[in-house]
Amino acid sequence: MQIDPYSNEIRYSLSLMAYHLNLVRPSSVRIASHSVEIVKSVVRQLSYQPLSIFVETHEIQTALADLFGVMANVTQNRNEIADAVMMPFSLEEGLRPRGEEIVIAACYNALSYKTLLHPLAAKETISKKLRTLETNYLVIPVAGLFSPSFILWFTLAKVVERFDSALYFQLEDHAMHHMIERGPWWRLSYIVIVTGQAAS
């Protein structure tokens, strides 16, 4: 699946991931992605933190050095394991943690409104993706983006848009308050952010 790292859905996801990484304050992080653009977007989110960064390929390492002056380590060349791993939509790529203590992942969910519009947009449910992590990590879903409650309010706003602009803006504002779901609706959200702590 082609991911646009500059789209709102990805920027919101990366911001939430960076926020949760900042809460644990690791000294090193692996950015598990084969996409140069995704890794660049993640590094922009982390630029204020003094971190050792690990990446998957030399191409990504070179791009970070050229653009940001960041000296990243290539994961495959080192036996060292980072404290944390950020997995921005990379479980879908087949990437997995390498034994890091902390996992922060963003995943697409096949149980969302998006699969009604684009049946091939996400191939697996979030439950199946989480099972790949749960063998070694205590996984906690922390947020869902674009949940059914967001879609409901946003659809209502669009219905009344041409008839009542004041009501449209009220409903759209209400929808935006539901864009990030921290309650049970995360299971049906289009994107789910999870954190994991290595099981002892």
Protein backbone atom coordinates (compact mmCIF):
# COMPACT_ATOMS: atom_id res chain seq x y z
CA MET A 1 0.00 0.00 0.00
CA GLN A 2 1.32 3.44 -0.95
CA ILE A 3 1.41 5.75 2.07
CA ASP A 4 1.55 9.53 1.79
CA PRO A 5 3.55 10.67 4.83
CA TYR A 6 2.30 14.24 4.39
CA SER A 7 -1.41 13.38 4.51
CA ASN A 8 -3.33 14.39 7.63
CA GLU A 9 -4.00 10.81 8.71
CA ILE A 10 -0.29 9.93 8.65
CA ARG A 11 0.86 13.19 10.26
CA TYR A 12 -1.64 12.73 13.11
CA SER A 13 -0.51 9.12 13.53
CA LEU A 14 3.18 10.01 13.62
CA SER A 15 2.52 12.81 16.10
CA LEU A 16 0.72 10.42 18.44
CA MET A 17 3.54 7.90 18.09
CA ALA A 18 6.16 10.57 18.88
CA TYR A 19 4.13 11.68 21.90
CA HIS A 20 4.07 8.14 23.31
CA LEU A 21 7.78 7.68 22.59
CA ASN A 22 8.50 10.89 24.48
CA LEU A 23 6.59 9.55 27.49
CA VAL A 24 9.07 6.66 27.89
CA ARG A 25 12.18 8.75 27.02
CA PRO A 26 14.41 6.09 25.48
CA SER A 27 18.05 6.86 24.63
CA SER A 28 17.79 5.07 21.27
CA VAL A 29 15.03 4.27 18.81
CA ARG A 30 14.74 2.12 15.73
CA ILE A 31 12.44 3.49 13.04
CA ALA A 32 11.22 0.30 11.39
CA SER A 33 10.19 1.26 7.87
CA HIS A 34 11.54 0.77 4.36
CA SER A 35 10.05 4.10 3.25
CA VAL A 36 12.54 6.98 3.13
CA GLU A 37 9.70 9.52 3.28
CA ILE A 38 8.04 7.92 6.30
CA VAL A 39 11.35 7.78 8.19
CA LYS A 40 12.07 11.42 7.32
CA SER A 41 8.63 12.37 8.67
CA VAL A 42 9.27 10.45 11.89
CA VAL A 43 12.68 12.10 12.36
CA ARG A 44 11.04 15.53 11.98
CA GLN A 45 8.75 14.57 14.88
CA LEU A 46 11.73 13.47 17.00
CA SER A 47 14.16 16.26 16.14
CA TYR A 48 13.92 17.83 19.59
CA GLN A 49 14.93 14.62 21.39
CA PRO A 50 18.58 13.54 21.87
CA LEU A 51 18.24 10.01 20.50
CA SER A 52 20.45 7.48 18.77
CA ILE A 53 18.50 6.49 15.67
CA PHE A 54 18.55 3.12 13.92
CA VAL A 55 17.13 2.66 10.42
CA GLU A 56 16.62 -0.28 8.09
CA THR A 57 18.74 0.63 5.03
CA HIS A 58 21.79 2.59 3.89
CA GLU A 59 19.54 4.59 1.57
CA ILE A 60 17.56 5.88 4.55
CA GLN A 61 20.77 6.51 6.50
CA THR A 62 22.14 8.65 3.64
CA ALA A 63 18.86 10.58 3.25
CA LEU A 64 18.82 11.49 6.96
CA ALA A 65 22.46 12.59 6.88
CA ASP A 66 21.94 14.71 3.76
CA LEU A 67 18.68 16.34 4.82
CA PHE A 68 18.97 16.69 8.61
CA GLY A 69 22.63 16.03 9.40
CA VAL A 70 21.41 13.06 11.49
CA MET A 71 23.91 10.23 11.80
CA ALA A 72 21.72 7.14 11.97
CA ASN A 73 22.89 3.55 12.40
CA VAL A 74 21.80 0.83 9.98
CA THR A 75 20.08 -1.97 11.92
CA GLN A 76 21.35 -4.85 9.78
CA ASN A 77 24.99 -3.82 10.34
CA ARG A 78 24.83 -3.85 14.13
CA ASN A 79 24.11 -6.33 16.87
CA GLU A 80 23.05 -3.50 19.17
CA ILE A 81 19.32 -3.30 19.90
CA ALA A 82 17.61 0.05 20.42
CA ASP A 83 15.60 0.79 23.56
CA ALA A 84 12.44 1.35 21.54
CA VAL A 85 11.10 0.69 18.08
CA MET A 86 8.63 2.86 16.19
CA MET A 87 6.67 0.91 13.60
CA PRO A 88 4.75 3.36 11.41
CA PHE A 89 2.56 1.06 9.31
CA SER A 90 5.44 -1.40 9.04
CA LEU A 91 3.74 -4.46 10.52
CA GLU A 92 1.98 -4.41 7.14
CA GLU A 93 5.43 -4.55 5.48
CA GLY A 94 6.36 -7.65 7.47
CA LEU A 95 8.83 -5.86 9.75
CA ARG A 96 8.94 -7.01 13.37
CA PRO A 97 10.58 -5.90 16.62
CA ARG A 98 14.11 -7.22 17.17
CA GLY A 99 13.92 -7.43 20.96
CA GLU A 100 13.48 -3.74 21.79
CA GLU A 101 12.04 -3.03 25.24
CA ILE A 102 9.31 -0.69 23.94
CA VAL A 103 7.18 -0.93 20.79
CA ILE A 104 5.07 1.90 19.40
CA ALA A 105 3.13 0.98 16.28
CA ALA A 106 0.55 2.48 13.96
CA CYS A 107 -1.54 0.03 11.95
CA TYR A 108 -4.36 0.15 9.45
CA ASN A 109 -7.46 -1.78 10.47
CA ALA A 110 -9.58 -3.85 8.08
CA LEU A 111 -12.55 -3.41 10.45
CA SER A 112 -13.15 0.24 9.58
CA TYR A 113 -15.26 2.42 7.31
CA LYS A 114 -12.34 2.63 4.87
CA THR A 115 -12.72 -1.02 3.88
CA LEU A 116 -16.28 -0.28 2.78
CA LEU A 117 -14.93 2.33 0.39
CA HIS A 118 -11.71 0.53 -0.56
CA PRO A 119 -11.92 -3.22 0.20
CA LEU A 120 -8.17 -3.75 -0.33
CA ALA A 121 -7.07 -0.74 1.76
CA ALA A 122 -6.26 -2.94 4.76
CA LYS A 123 -5.88 -6.69 4.54
CA GLU A 124 -5.94 -7.68 8.23
CA THR A 125 -7.93 -6.71 11.28
CA ILE A 126 -6.15 -4.92 14.09
CA SER A 127 -6.65 -7.97 16.33
CA LYS A 128 -4.64 -10.16 13.97
CA LYS A 129 -1.87 -7.57 13.71
CA LEU A 130 -1.69 -7.21 17.50
CA ARG A 131 -1.32 -10.97 17.90
CA THR A 132 2.02 -10.73 16.07
CA LEU A 133 3.25 -8.49 18.91
CA GLU A 134 1.48 -10.11 21.86
CA THR A 135 3.77 -13.15 21.96
CA ASN A 136 6.61 -10.97 23.28
CA TYR A 137 4.96 -7.74 24.41
CA LEU A 138 2.22 -6.51 26.70
CA VAL A 139 0.31 -4.51 24.10
CA ILE A 140 -1.97 -1.60 24.94
CA PRO A 141 -4.04 0.16 22.25
CA VAL A 142 -3.76 3.86 23.09
CA ALA A 143 -5.77 5.54 20.32
CA GLY A 144 -7.82 5.00 17.20
CA LEU A 145 -8.07 7.57 14.44
CA PHE A 146 -11.18 8.07 12.31
CA SER A 147 -13.54 5.95 14.40
CA PRO A 148 -17.24 5.36 13.59
CA SER A 149 -18.22 8.26 15.89
CA PHE A 150 -15.99 10.62 13.88
CA ILE A 151 -17.48 9.36 10.61
CA LEU A 152 -21.03 9.76 11.94
CA TRP A 153 -20.57 13.39 12.99
CA PHE A 154 -18.57 14.27 9.87
CA THR A 155 -21.25 12.73 7.62
CA LEU A 156 -23.98 14.66 9.42
CA ALA A 157 -21.97 17.85 8.94
CA LYS A 158 -21.67 17.19 5.20
CA VAL A 159 -25.41 16.50 4.91
CA VAL A 160 -26.37 19.89 6.38
CA GLU A 161 -23.50 21.86 4.79
CA ARG A 162 -25.50 23.36 1.92
CA PHE A 163 -28.55 24.17 4.09
CA ASP A 164 -27.14 25.60 7.32
CA SER A 165 -23.52 26.73 7.45
CA ALA A 166 -23.59 27.48 11.19
CA LEU A 167 -24.85 23.99 12.00
CA TYR A 168 -22.33 22.54 9.55
CA PHE A 169 -19.43 24.14 11.42
CA GLN A 170 -20.81 23.00 14.79
CA LEU A 171 -21.14 19.40 13.60
CA GLU A 172 -17.75 19.43 11.90
CA ASP A 173 -16.16 20.77 15.08
CA HIS A 174 -17.89 17.99 17.03
CA ALA A 175 -16.52 15.45 14.52
CA MET A 176 -12.98 16.78 15.01
CA HIS A 177 -13.31 16.22 18.75
CA HIS A 178 -13.97 12.54 17.93
CA MET A 179 -11.12 12.15 15.43
CA ILE A 180 -8.88 10.52 18.05
CA GLU A 181 -10.75 7.81 19.93
CA ARG A 182 -9.41 6.53 23.24
CA GLY A 183 -12.47 4.51 24.20
CA PRO A 184 -13.78 1.16 22.92
CA TRP A 185 -14.39 2.45 19.39
CA TRP A 186 -10.65 2.11 18.65
CA ARG A 187 -11.42 -1.45 17.52
CA LEU A 188 -13.33 -0.08 14.52
CA SER A 189 -11.04 2.86 13.80
CA TYR A 190 -9.23 3.20 10.49
CA ILE A 191 -5.81 3.62 12.16
CA VAL A 192 -4.88 2.22 15.56
CA ILE A 193 -1.88 3.33 17.65
CA VAL A 194 -0.55 0.79 20.13
CA THR A 195 2.28 0.67 22.64
CA GLY A 196 3.97 -2.44 23.95
CA GLN A 197 6.31 -3.24 26.80
CA ALA A 198 8.50 -6.34 26.57
CA ALA A 199 7.00 -9.18 28.58
CA SER A 200 9.29 -10.29 31.42
